[in-house]
C-alpha atoms as a PDB file:
ATOM      1  CA  MET A   1     100.054  94.739  93.014  1.00  0.00           C
ATOM      2  CA  GLY A   2      96.773  96.523  92.998  1.00  0.00           C
ATOM      3  CA  ALA A   3      93.974  98.044  90.979  1.00  0.00           C
ATOM      4  CA  ILE A   4      91.519 100.693  92.133  1.00  0.00           C
ATOM      5  CA  SER A   5      88.437 102.374  90.748  1.00  0.00           C
ATOM      6  CA  ASN A   6      87.104 105.764  91.726  1.00  0.00           C
ATOM      7  CA  LYS A   7      84.905 103.964  94.283  1.00  0.00           C
ATOM      8  CA  SER A   8      86.916 101.061  95.701  1.00  0.00           C
ATOM      9  CA  ILE A   9      89.893  98.742  95.586  1.00  0.00           C
ATOM     10  CA  LEU A  10      89.245  96.252  92.782  1.00  0.00           C
ATOM     11  CA  ALA A  11      92.107  93.811  93.247  1.00  0.00           C
ATOM     12  CA  LEU A  12      95.171  93.340  95.448  1.00  0.00           C
ATOM     13  CA  LYS A  13      97.897  90.727  95.460  1.00  0.00           C
ATOM     14  CA  THR A  14     101.005  90.494  97.605  1.00  0.00           C
ATOM     15  CA  LEU A  15     104.126  88.750  96.373  1.00  0.00           C
ATOM     16  CA  GLY A  16     107.028  87.387  98.384  1.00  0.00           C
ATOM     17  CA  GLN A  17     109.484  88.715  95.795  1.00  0.00           C
ATOM     18  CA  SER A  18     109.819  91.454  93.198  1.00  0.00           C
ATOM     19  CA  MET A  19     107.155  91.360  90.525  1.00  0.00           C
ATOM     20  CA  ASN A  20     108.074  90.108  87.074  1.00  0.00           C
ATOM     21  CA  GLY A  21     106.114  90.040  83.832  1.00  0.00           C
ATOM     22  CA  GLU A  22     104.687  86.586  84.468  1.00  0.00           C
ATOM     23  CA  ASP A  23     103.437  87.658  87.924  1.00  0.00           C
ATOM     24  CA  PHE A  24     101.720  90.684  86.401  1.00  0.00           C
ATOM     25  CA  GLN A  25     100.171  88.627  83.615  1.00  0.00           C
ATOM     26  CA  GLN A  26      98.720  86.220  86.207  1.00  0.00           C
ATOM     27  CA  PHE A  27      97.422  89.148  88.284  1.00  0.00           C
ATOM     28  CA  VAL A  28      95.634  90.594  85.264  1.00  0.00           C
ATOM     29  CA  ALA A  29      94.158  87.236  84.230  1.00  0.00           C
ATOM     30  CA  GLN A  30      93.132  85.973  87.666  1.00  0.00           C
ATOM     31  CA  GLU A  31      92.460  89.075  89.759  1.00  0.00           C
ATOM     32  CA  LEU A  32      91.765  92.038  87.486  1.00  0.00           C
ATOM     33  CA  LEU A  33      89.864  90.752  84.438  1.00  0.00           C
ATOM     34  CA  PRO A  34      86.991  89.240  86.447  1.00  0.00           C
ATOM     35  CA  LYS A  35      86.378  92.659  88.040  1.00  0.00           C
ATOM     36  CA  LEU A  36      86.393  94.777  84.863  1.00  0.00           C
ATOM     37  CA  TRP A  37      83.324  95.788  82.890  1.00  0.00           C
ATOM     38  CA  THR A  38      82.689  97.071  79.389  1.00  0.00           C
ATOM     39  CA  GLY A  39      83.883 100.638  79.118  1.00  0.00           C
ATOM     40  CA  THR A  40      86.423 100.422  81.945  1.00  0.00           C
ATOM     41  CA  VAL A  41      89.569 102.451  81.334  1.00  0.00           C
ATOM     42  CA  VAL A  42      92.637 100.797  82.840  1.00  0.00           C
ATOM     43  CA  VAL A  43      95.349 103.391  83.474  1.00  0.00           C
ATOM     44  CA  MET A  44      98.874 102.049  83.885  1.00  0.00           C
ATOM     45  CA  ASP A  45     102.305 103.577  84.158  1.00  0.00           C
ATOM     46  CA  ASN A  46     105.126 102.594  81.850  1.00  0.00           C
ATOM     47  CA  LEU A  47     106.531  99.709  83.881  1.00  0.00           C
ATOM     48  CA  LYS A  48     107.993  97.137  81.495  1.00  0.00           C
ATOM     49  CA  ALA A  49     105.637  94.411  82.814  1.00  0.00           C
ATOM     50  CA  HIS A  50     102.612  96.601  82.016  1.00  0.00           C
ATOM     51  CA  LYS A  51     103.640  96.707  78.359  1.00  0.00           C
ATOM     52  CA  MET A  52     104.342  92.992  78.063  1.00  0.00           C
ATOM     53  CA  LYS A  53     102.951  91.368  74.929  1.00  0.00           C
ATOM     54  CA  GLY A  54      99.357  90.270  75.470  1.00  0.00           C
ATOM     55  CA  ILE A  55      98.507  92.448  78.494  1.00  0.00           C
ATOM     56  CA  SER A  56      96.525  95.131  76.657  1.00  0.00           C
ATOM     57  CA  GLU A  57      94.849  92.462  74.504  1.00  0.00           C
ATOM     58  CA  MET A  58      93.686  90.609  77.639  1.00  0.00           C
ATOM     59  CA  ILE A  59      92.213  93.802  79.085  1.00  0.00           C
ATOM     60  CA  GLU A  60      90.567  94.758  75.797  1.00  0.00           C
ATOM     61  CA  SER A  61      89.040  91.258  75.509  1.00  0.00           C
ATOM     62  CA  VAL A  62      86.534  92.158  78.258  1.00  0.00           C
ATOM     63  CA  GLY A  63      85.505  95.456  76.650  1.00  0.00           C
ATOM     64  CA  ALA A  64      87.912  97.657  78.613  1.00  0.00           C
ATOM     65  CA  ARG A  65      90.676  99.811  77.196  1.00  0.00           C
ATOM     66  CA  VAL A  66      94.222 100.656  78.261  1.00  0.00           C
ATOM     67  CA  VAL A  67      95.706 104.119  78.685  1.00  0.00           C
ATOM     68  CA  TYR A  68      99.354 104.587  79.655  1.00  0.00           C
ATOM     69  CA  LEU A  69     100.448 107.542  81.766  1.00  0.00           C
ATOM     70  CA  SER A  70     103.075 109.898  80.464  1.00  0.00           C
ATOM     71  CA  PRO A  71     106.598 108.926  81.578  1.00  0.00           C
ATOM     72  CA  TYR A  72     106.717 108.418  85.318  1.00  0.00           C
ATOM     73  CA  SER A  73     104.336 110.895  86.875  1.00  0.00           C
ATOM     74  CA  PRO A  74     103.223 109.582  90.298  1.00  0.00           C
ATOM     75  CA  GLU A  75     101.100 112.661  90.939  1.00  0.00           C
ATOM     76  CA  PHE A  76      98.733 111.420  88.205  1.00  0.00           C
ATOM     77  CA  ASN A  77      98.628 107.839  89.519  1.00  0.00           C
ATOM     78  CA  PRO A  78      96.124 107.627  92.403  1.00  0.00           C
ATOM     79  CA  ILE A  79      97.237 104.162  93.490  1.00  0.00           C
ATOM     80  CA  GLU A  80     100.610 105.655  94.484  1.00  0.00           C
ATOM     81  CA  HIS A  81      98.795 107.443  97.339  1.00  0.00           C
ATOM     82  CA  ILE A  82      97.263 104.192  98.627  1.00  0.00           C
ATOM     83  CA  ILE A  83     100.274 101.885  98.442  1.00  0.00           C
ATOM     84  CA  ALA A  84     103.115 104.323  99.213  1.00  0.00           C
END
């Protein structure tokens, strides 16, 4: 899992298995939230784990906001070019 800004990699986490909703929730809470700032826009695709109850509320609790990409469009998701 990863999160990038226009300047750097913000957070990375490797799992030994496929990611599930609980893994993503922990990533957001432990790795991503501490690195966000007021006004940050977190762009996510439509993966089911990204839309899990409580995820957007956690992100918004630090003054950031969530924007979801249109249905799968990797050309608009810059992290696809780093991880792929």
